[in-house]
Protein backbone atom coordinates (compact mmCIF):
# COMPACT_ATOMS: atom_id res chain seq x y z
CA MET A 1 0.00 0.00 0.00
CA LEU A 2 2.73 2.39 0.90
CA SER A 3 4.61 1.70 -2.25
CA PHE A 4 1.55 2.26 -4.23
CA LYS A 5 0.84 5.59 -2.59
CA LEU A 6 4.37 6.80 -3.10
CA CYS A 7 4.30 5.90 -6.76
CA LYS A 8 0.96 7.65 -7.27
CA LYS A 9 2.19 10.83 -5.59
CA ALA A 10 5.33 10.82 -7.68
CA SER A 11 3.30 10.34 -10.83
CA VAL A 12 1.08 13.32 -10.00
CA THR A 13 4.09 15.49 -9.26
CA PHE A 14 5.66 14.54 -12.54
CA MET A 15 2.52 15.39 -14.45
CA VAL A 16 2.31 18.81 -12.78
CA LEU A 17 5.93 19.54 -13.67
CA LEU A 18 5.36 18.40 -17.24
CA PHE A 19 2.27 20.64 -17.60
CA ALA A 20 4.17 23.64 -16.19
CA ALA A 21 7.03 22.99 -18.60
CA GLY A 22 4.55 22.88 -21.48
CA LEU A 23 3.08 26.22 -20.50
CA LEU A 24 6.54 27.74 -20.22
CA ILE A 25 7.68 26.42 -23.56
CA GLY A 26 4.40 27.47 -25.25
CA GLY A 27 4.62 30.96 -23.78
CA LEU A 28 8.22 31.30 -24.96
CA ALA A 29 7.20 30.14 -28.45
CA VAL A 30 4.34 32.65 -28.64
CA PHE A 31 6.65 35.39 -27.37
CA PHE A 32 9.29 34.69 -29.98
CA ILE A 33 6.73 34.46 -32.79
CA THR A 34 5.08 37.72 -31.71
CA PHE A 35 8.44 39.40 -31.32
CA GLU A 36 9.50 38.36 -34.81
CA LYS A 37 6.26 39.67 -36.35
CA THR A 38 6.48 42.94 -34.41
CA ASN A 39 10.09 43.39 -35.38
CA SER A 40 9.24 42.70 -39.04
CA LEU A 41 6.39 45.25 -39.01
CA SER A 42 8.66 47.81 -37.35
CA ASN A 43 11.25 47.29 -40.05
CA GLN A 44 8.60 47.71 -42.77
CA VAL A 45 7.31 50.94 -41.18
CA ALA A 46 10.87 52.23 -40.95
CA ASP A 47 11.46 51.41 -44.61
CA LEU A 48 8.24 53.22 -45.63
CA GLN A 49 9.20 56.26 -43.56
CA ASN A 50 12.59 56.35 -45.24
CA GLN A 51 10.97 56.13 -48.68
CA VAL A 52 8.49 58.93 -47.87
CA SER A 53 11.32 61.04 -46.50
CA ALA A 54 13.33 60.48 -49.66
CA LEU A 55 10.35 61.40 -51.84
CA THR A 56 9.65 64.55 -49.83
CA GLY A 57 13.24 65.64 -50.01
CA SER A 58 13.59 65.23 -53.78
CA GLN A 59 10.07 66.13 -55.04
CA ASN A 60 9.78 68.93 -57.61
CA VAL A 61 6.73 71.24 -57.83
CA THR A 62 4.83 70.64 -61.10
CA TYR A 63 2.75 73.41 -62.70
CA GLN A 64 0.09 72.13 -65.08
CA ASN A 65 -1.36 74.35 -67.79
CA ILE A 66 -4.97 73.47 -68.55
CA THR A 67 -6.21 74.67 -71.93
CA ILE A 68 -9.92 75.06 -72.70
CA TYR A 69 -10.84 74.51 -76.34
CA GLN A 70 -13.75 75.64 -78.48
CA ASN A 71 -14.02 73.35 -81.52
CA GLY A 72 -10.29 72.65 -81.32
CA THR A 73 -9.29 76.29 -80.83
CA SER A 74 -7.90 77.50 -77.52
CA LEU A 75 -9.93 80.23 -75.82
CA ALA A 76 -6.64 81.90 -74.96
CA ASP A 77 -5.68 81.88 -78.65
CA ILE A 78 -9.06 83.30 -79.67
CA TYR A 79 -8.67 86.09 -77.14
CA SER A 80 -5.12 86.79 -78.26
CA ASN A 81 -6.26 87.02 -81.89
CA VAL A 82 -9.24 89.30 -81.26
CA ARG A 83 -8.40 91.50 -78.25
CA ASP A 84 -6.58 94.13 -80.35
CA SER A 85 -9.65 94.40 -82.59
CA VAL A 86 -11.92 95.41 -79.68
CA VAL A 87 -11.98 99.10 -78.74
CA LEU A 88 -13.34 101.29 -75.98
CA VAL A 89 -15.92 103.82 -77.23
CA GLN A 90 -16.41 106.96 -75.12
CA GLY A 91 -18.44 110.13 -75.41
CA THR A 92 -20.21 112.87 -73.48
CA GLU A 93 -23.96 113.44 -73.20
CA SER A 94 -25.51 116.91 -73.36
CA ASP A 95 -25.58 117.17 -69.55
CA GLY A 96 -21.88 116.38 -69.33
CA THR A 97 -22.33 112.77 -68.30
CA GLY A 98 -19.67 110.48 -69.68
CA VAL A 99 -20.76 107.34 -71.50
CA GLN A 100 -18.77 104.36 -72.66
CA GLY A 101 -19.21 101.10 -74.46
CA SER A 102 -17.40 98.73 -76.75
CA GLY A 103 -16.80 98.38 -80.46
CA PHE A 104 -14.72 96.38 -82.89
CA VAL A 105 -12.71 97.03 -86.04
CA TYR A 106 -13.94 95.87 -89.43
CA ARG A 107 -12.59 96.47 -92.90
CA TYR A 108 -15.11 97.10 -95.66
CA ALA A 109 -14.21 98.04 -99.23
CA ASN A 110 -10.62 98.82 -98.19
CA ARG A 111 -11.80 101.11 -95.42
CA ASN A 112 -11.29 100.54 -91.70
CA VAL A 113 -14.33 101.34 -89.55
CA VAL A 114 -15.50 100.67 -86.01
CA ILE A 115 -18.84 98.93 -85.44
CA THR A 116 -20.78 99.58 -82.24
CA ASN A 117 -24.34 100.01 -80.94
CA TYR A 118 -26.53 102.98 -81.80
CA HIS A 119 -27.43 103.46 -78.15
CA VAL A 120 -23.73 103.82 -77.26
CA VAL A 121 -23.34 106.93 -79.48
CA HIS A 122 -26.89 108.31 -79.49
CA GLY A 123 -26.99 111.89 -78.22
CA THR A 124 -23.28 111.98 -77.44
CA ALA A 125 -20.55 114.44 -78.37
CA ASP A 126 -16.75 114.32 -78.27
CA LEU A 127 -16.70 110.73 -79.39
CA SER A 128 -13.43 108.85 -79.14
CA ILE A 129 -12.16 105.31 -79.42
CA THR A 130 -9.23 103.78 -77.54
CA PHE A 131 -7.37 100.74 -78.82
CA SER A 132 -6.15 97.95 -76.55
CA ASN A 133 -2.65 99.51 -76.51
CA GLY A 134 -4.07 102.64 -74.88
CA HIS A 135 -3.85 104.86 -77.96
CA GLY A 136 -6.95 107.04 -78.26
CA TYR A 137 -8.34 108.98 -81.23
CA ALA A 138 -11.33 111.15 -82.07
CA ALA A 139 -14.18 109.38 -83.85
CA VAL A 140 -17.13 110.48 -85.96
CA VAL A 141 -20.37 108.71 -86.81
CA LEU A 142 -20.66 107.54 -90.41
CA GLY A 143 -24.08 105.95 -90.19
CA THR A 144 -26.70 104.69 -87.76
CA ASP A 145 -29.80 102.51 -87.69
CA ALA A 146 -31.83 102.79 -84.51
CA TYR A 147 -34.12 99.98 -85.70
CA VAL A 148 -31.30 97.45 -85.22
CA ASP A 149 -29.23 99.39 -82.65
CA LEU A 150 -26.28 99.68 -85.04
CA ALA A 151 -23.73 102.45 -85.62
CA ILE A 152 -20.62 102.74 -87.80
CA LEU A 153 -17.76 105.03 -86.75
CA SER A 154 -14.79 106.45 -88.61
CA VAL A 155 -11.44 107.07 -86.91
CA ASN A 156 -9.72 109.37 -89.36
CA ASP A 157 -6.51 110.26 -87.52
CA ALA A 158 -5.43 106.75 -86.52
CA PRO A 159 -2.63 105.19 -88.59
CA ALA A 160 -3.43 102.00 -90.47
CA SER A 161 -1.20 100.00 -88.12
CA GLU A 162 -3.68 100.53 -85.27
CA PHE A 163 -6.49 98.66 -87.02
CA LYS A 164 -6.78 94.90 -86.56
CA PRO A 165 -9.97 93.96 -88.42
CA VAL A 166 -12.06 90.95 -87.42
CA GLU A 167 -13.86 88.59 -89.77
CA ILE A 168 -17.66 88.71 -89.78
CA VAL A 169 -19.41 85.50 -90.88
CA SER A 170 -23.05 84.59 -91.44
CA SER A 171 -25.17 84.00 -88.36
CA SER A 172 -27.54 81.74 -90.31
CA THR A 173 -25.63 78.62 -89.25
CA LEU A 174 -26.00 79.32 -85.52
CA ARG A 175 -27.90 76.74 -83.50
CA VAL A 176 -29.19 76.78 -79.95
CA GLY A 177 -26.44 75.26 -77.82
CA ASP A 178 -23.54 76.55 -79.94
CA PRO A 179 -20.73 78.01 -77.81
CA VAL A 180 -20.15 81.77 -78.08
CA ILE A 181 -17.64 84.25 -76.67
CA ALA A 182 -18.14 87.92 -75.80
CA ILE A 183 -15.26 90.38 -75.53
CA GLY A 184 -15.83 93.94 -74.35
CA ASN A 185 -15.34 96.54 -71.66
CA PRO A 186 -17.91 95.92 -68.90
CA TYR A 187 -17.87 98.71 -66.33
CA GLY A 188 -14.75 100.04 -68.07
CA LEU A 189 -12.81 96.82 -67.44
CA VAL A 190 -11.12 96.84 -70.83
CA GLY A 191 -10.71 93.60 -72.76
CA SER A 192 -12.86 91.28 -70.64
CA LEU A 193 -13.84 87.87 -72.03
CA THR A 194 -16.90 85.82 -71.09
CA THR A 195 -18.27 82.60 -72.55
CA GLY A 196 -21.64 80.94 -72.89
CA VAL A 197 -23.94 79.36 -75.44
CA VAL A 198 -26.64 80.45 -77.84
CA SER A 199 -29.69 79.97 -75.63
CA ALA A 200 -32.32 81.02 -78.20
CA LEU A 201 -32.65 82.49 -81.69
CA GLY A 202 -35.17 84.78 -83.35
CA ARG A 203 -36.00 86.83 -80.26
CA THR A 204 -37.32 90.39 -80.36
CA ILE A 205 -36.49 93.23 -77.99
CA THR A 206 -37.67 96.81 -77.75
CA GLU A 207 -35.63 99.94 -77.09
CA ASP A 208 -36.73 103.54 -76.68
CA TYR A 209 -34.64 104.57 -79.67
CA ALA A 210 -36.61 102.33 -82.05
CA GLY A 211 -39.86 104.30 -81.83
CA GLY A 212 -41.91 101.37 -80.55
CA PHE A 213 -40.80 98.95 -83.27
CA SER A 214 -39.30 95.64 -82.28
CA ILE A 215 -35.63 94.93 -82.90
CA ALA A 216 -36.02 91.53 -84.48
CA ASN A 217 -34.15 88.30 -85.11
CA ILE A 218 -32.05 88.71 -81.95
CA ILE A 219 -29.58 86.13 -80.62
CA GLN A 220 -30.15 85.23 -76.97
CA THR A 221 -27.03 84.10 -75.14
CA SER A 222 -25.95 82.91 -71.71
CA ALA A 223 -22.56 84.63 -72.04
CA PRO A 224 -22.48 87.23 -69.22
CA ILE A 225 -23.02 90.73 -70.63
CA ASN A 226 -22.85 93.85 -68.48
CA PRO A 227 -23.04 97.64 -68.96
CA GLY A 228 -20.06 98.58 -71.11
CA ASN A 229 -20.18 95.35 -73.13
CA SER A 230 -22.62 96.99 -75.55
CA GLY A 231 -21.17 97.17 -79.05
CA GLY A 232 -18.59 94.45 -78.52
CA PRO A 233 -18.31 91.36 -80.72
CA LEU A 234 -20.05 88.06 -80.10
CA LEU A 235 -17.76 85.36 -81.49
CA ASN A 236 -18.31 81.77 -82.55
CA ALA A 237 -16.15 78.84 -81.47
CA VAL A 238 -13.35 79.70 -83.90
CA GLY A 239 -13.24 83.43 -83.14
CA ASN A 240 -15.31 84.92 -85.98
CA VAL A 241 -17.98 87.57 -85.35
CA VAL A 242 -21.55 86.26 -85.42
CA GLY A 243 -23.19 89.14 -83.57
CA ILE A 244 -22.83 92.39 -81.66
CA THR A 245 -23.75 92.41 -77.97
CA THR A 246 -26.49 94.92 -77.31
CA ALA A 247 -28.69 94.41 -74.25
CA ILE A 248 -29.42 92.57 -71.05
CA VAL A 249 -32.53 91.91 -69.00
CA SER A 250 -32.27 93.76 -65.70
CA ASP A 251 -31.66 91.51 -62.69
CA SER A 252 -31.41 88.44 -64.91
CA GLN A 253 -28.98 85.58 -64.51
CA GLY A 254 -27.14 84.93 -67.76
CA LEU A 255 -29.67 86.45 -70.18
CA GLY A 256 -28.09 88.68 -72.82
CA PHE A 257 -28.91 89.65 -76.39
CA ALA A 258 -26.93 90.32 -79.55
CA ILE A 259 -27.72 91.70 -83.00
CA PRO A 260 -26.98 88.92 -85.53
CA SER A 261 -24.09 89.35 -87.92
CA ASN A 262 -26.44 88.92 -90.89
CA THR A 263 -27.93 92.30 -89.99
CA ILE A 264 -24.48 93.92 -90.00
CA LEU A 265 -23.57 92.36 -93.35
CA ARG A 266 -26.89 93.41 -94.86
CA GLU A 267 -26.68 97.05 -93.76
CA ILE A 268 -23.04 98.06 -93.57
CA ALA A 269 -22.66 99.18 -97.18
CA SER A 270 -25.66 101.50 -96.92
CA LEU A 271 -24.64 102.85 -93.51
CA ILE A 272 -21.14 103.72 -94.72
CA THR A 273 -22.17 105.26 -98.04
CA THR A 274 -25.49 106.96 -97.18
CA GLY A 275 -25.48 107.15 -93.37
CA THR A 276 -28.76 105.28 -93.07
CA TYR A 277 -30.64 102.11 -94.04
CA LYS A 278 -34.11 102.09 -95.55
CA GLY A 279 -34.68 98.38 -96.02
CA HIS A 280 -36.98 97.72 -93.07
CA SER A 281 -40.36 96.37 -94.19
CA TYR A 282 -43.48 97.96 -92.75
CA LEU A 283 -46.77 96.09 -92.34
CA GLY A 284 -48.61 98.88 -90.52
CA VAL A 285 -50.32 96.87 -87.80
CA SER A 286 -50.03 96.28 -84.06
CA GLY A 287 -51.17 93.27 -82.09
CA GLN A 288 -50.55 90.64 -79.47
CA ASP A 289 -49.40 87.05 -79.21
CA MET A 290 -52.05 84.37 -79.13
CA SER A 291 -52.18 81.80 -76.33
CA TYR A 292 -54.51 79.12 -75.06
CA TYR A 293 -55.94 81.61 -72.55
CA VAL A 294 -56.57 84.29 -75.20
CA ALA A 295 -58.09 81.71 -77.54
CA GLN A 296 -60.50 80.62 -74.81
CA GLN A 297 -61.46 84.23 -74.09
CA ILE A 298 -62.29 85.15 -77.68
CA GLY A 299 -63.46 81.74 -78.86
CA ALA A 300 -60.69 81.41 -81.45
CA SER A 301 -59.99 78.15 -83.23
CA VAL A 302 -56.18 78.50 -82.84
CA SER A 303 -53.99 79.14 -79.79
CA TYR A 304 -50.93 80.31 -81.74
CA GLY A 305 -50.30 83.23 -84.09
CA TRP A 306 -50.42 87.00 -83.77
CA ARG A 307 -53.76 88.77 -83.33
CA ILE A 308 -54.14 92.22 -84.93
CA ALA A 309 -55.23 94.99 -82.56
CA THR A 310 -54.88 98.06 -84.82
CA VAL A 311 -54.39 98.77 -88.53
CA ALA A 312 -52.65 102.04 -89.43
CA SER A 313 -54.88 104.30 -91.52
CA GLY A 314 -53.34 104.72 -94.95
CA GLY A 315 -50.72 102.08 -94.20
CA PRO A 316 -49.84 99.04 -96.31
CA SER A 317 -52.44 96.83 -94.58
CA ASP A 318 -55.28 99.35 -94.61
CA GLY A 319 -58.24 97.67 -96.34
CA ARG A 320 -56.41 94.36 -96.44
CA LEU A 321 -56.08 93.22 -92.84
CA ARG A 322 -58.70 93.69 -90.12
CA VAL A 323 -58.72 94.09 -86.36
CA GLY A 324 -59.20 90.61 -84.91
CA ASP A 325 -57.42 88.80 -87.75
CA ILE A 326 -54.95 86.23 -86.46
CA ILE A 327 -51.81 85.97 -88.60
CA ILE A 328 -50.70 82.33 -88.67
CA ALA A 329 -48.39 82.26 -91.73
CA LEU A 330 -46.25 84.50 -93.96
CA ASN A 331 -45.40 83.12 -97.41
CA GLY A 332 -46.30 79.68 -96.08
CA THR A 333 -44.04 79.93 -92.99
CA THR A 334 -45.87 79.31 -89.71
CA ILE A 335 -46.05 82.33 -87.40
CA ARG A 336 -46.44 81.43 -83.72
CA ASN A 337 -45.93 84.86 -82.14
CA ASN A 338 -44.44 88.33 -82.54
CA ASP A 339 -40.88 86.94 -82.46
CA ASP A 340 -41.63 84.88 -85.56
CA LEU A 341 -43.48 87.72 -87.30
CA ALA A 342 -40.87 90.43 -86.71
CA SER A 343 -37.92 88.13 -87.45
CA TYR A 344 -39.44 86.95 -90.73
CA LEU A 345 -40.14 90.50 -91.87
CA GLU A 346 -36.61 91.61 -90.96
CA GLU A 347 -34.73 88.65 -92.42
CA LYS A 348 -36.85 87.58 -95.39
CA THR A 349 -38.54 90.67 -96.85
CA LEU A 350 -37.89 94.15 -98.28
CA PRO A 351 -40.16 97.16 -98.83
CA GLY A 352 -42.19 96.90 -102.03
CA GLN A 353 -42.48 93.12 -101.93
CA THR A 354 -45.86 91.42 -101.94
CA LEU A 355 -46.34 89.33 -98.82
CA ALA A 356 -48.73 86.37 -98.83
CA ILE A 357 -50.37 86.34 -95.39
CA THR A 358 -52.61 83.62 -94.00
CA VAL A 359 -55.01 84.84 -91.32
CA VAL A 360 -57.75 83.22 -89.31
CA ARG A 361 -60.80 85.41 -89.87
CA GLY A 362 -64.13 84.37 -88.39
CA GLY A 363 -62.72 80.91 -87.72
CA VAL A 364 -61.72 80.41 -91.38
CA ASN A 365 -58.18 80.43 -92.82
CA THR A 366 -58.12 83.33 -95.27
CA PRO A 367 -55.30 84.36 -97.68
CA VAL A 368 -54.46 88.07 -97.88
CA ASN A 369 -51.78 89.75 -100.00
CA VAL A 370 -50.14 92.97 -98.76
CA VAL A 371 -47.52 95.10 -100.53
CA LEU A 372 -45.02 96.01 -97.81
CA GLY A 373 -44.15 99.61 -97.12
CA THR A 374 -41.04 101.24 -95.61
CA ARG A 375 -40.86 102.12 -91.96
CA PRO A 376 -41.00 105.81 -91.15
CA PRO A 377 -37.70 107.33 -89.93
CA PRO A 378 -36.92 106.55 -86.28
CA PRO A 379 -37.33 109.31 -83.70
CA THR A 380 -34.28 111.55 -83.24
């Protein structure tokens, strides 16, 4: 019995010692494994820090030039090509108030002229233009047309080297969404460039100088236009003139207007040689745009067109058109509103031509022919 007990006690003691040794050896193994991993991570962190330090110490600063293109042409290049063609137009009103706007150089029939807006020079004296290099010269008015807010100036004392003419191209190819560029002198900030798109075509606007007649076939643009931009060029994506900036809507966000280049090309010869233009057709009526609401009020069969309110006595339409007639077509072209009517007359007709008009009269489509007259001279 005693021997048995002694052997059992020894066996238990041995097992305890063996278990303790296992724990010790396992702990040492875990320690060494953990230590090796920690040491390896520390070495990797140190290597990364050294690499970052080396990069920081040897890094060069890189300046990247970003170029914006319009149909493959750099905006900076367009500006560089046109800026010397844009001038500052200044004058003095009768009360001594100074006025200023923009203009641009054009060469017609071997003669250098400056094109600007009529409202920039109307009622002003001591007119002058200043080129982008700061050289200023006296200017005189060669011709004006208040009906399209257009004026042509001559700068007689400036040497030929001062003039950098632009190219004017047809505005007929413009589409809504086309990019456009305006260069001018807003608030006297000479040579400022803005960009936008054609946001509408064939608009009409009214100005006091036009005697109540609409200025028709206007380009609407989102390019920012501000006081002082008036008379500056509106350019297409390759830097050619497609219009002349003329007006803004007060308190609007990105809503400007420009006279189309087709108007300039049509009138410039007459303005230079005679001082005026007498090609504006005259229908001799006033009216209002139709709408669904108006159609419901008057019981009309159409909700589009232009409803005649007055017919000028002795005018081209006297005895031909009647109050209440709704013009819905000119020479077969649909007329939706006054914008369509005025733009068609301005772009497609001349005084003396016979115009085939379709009106809704008493609910029936009725053809009427009118021989167009010439607008009376604008108020002075």
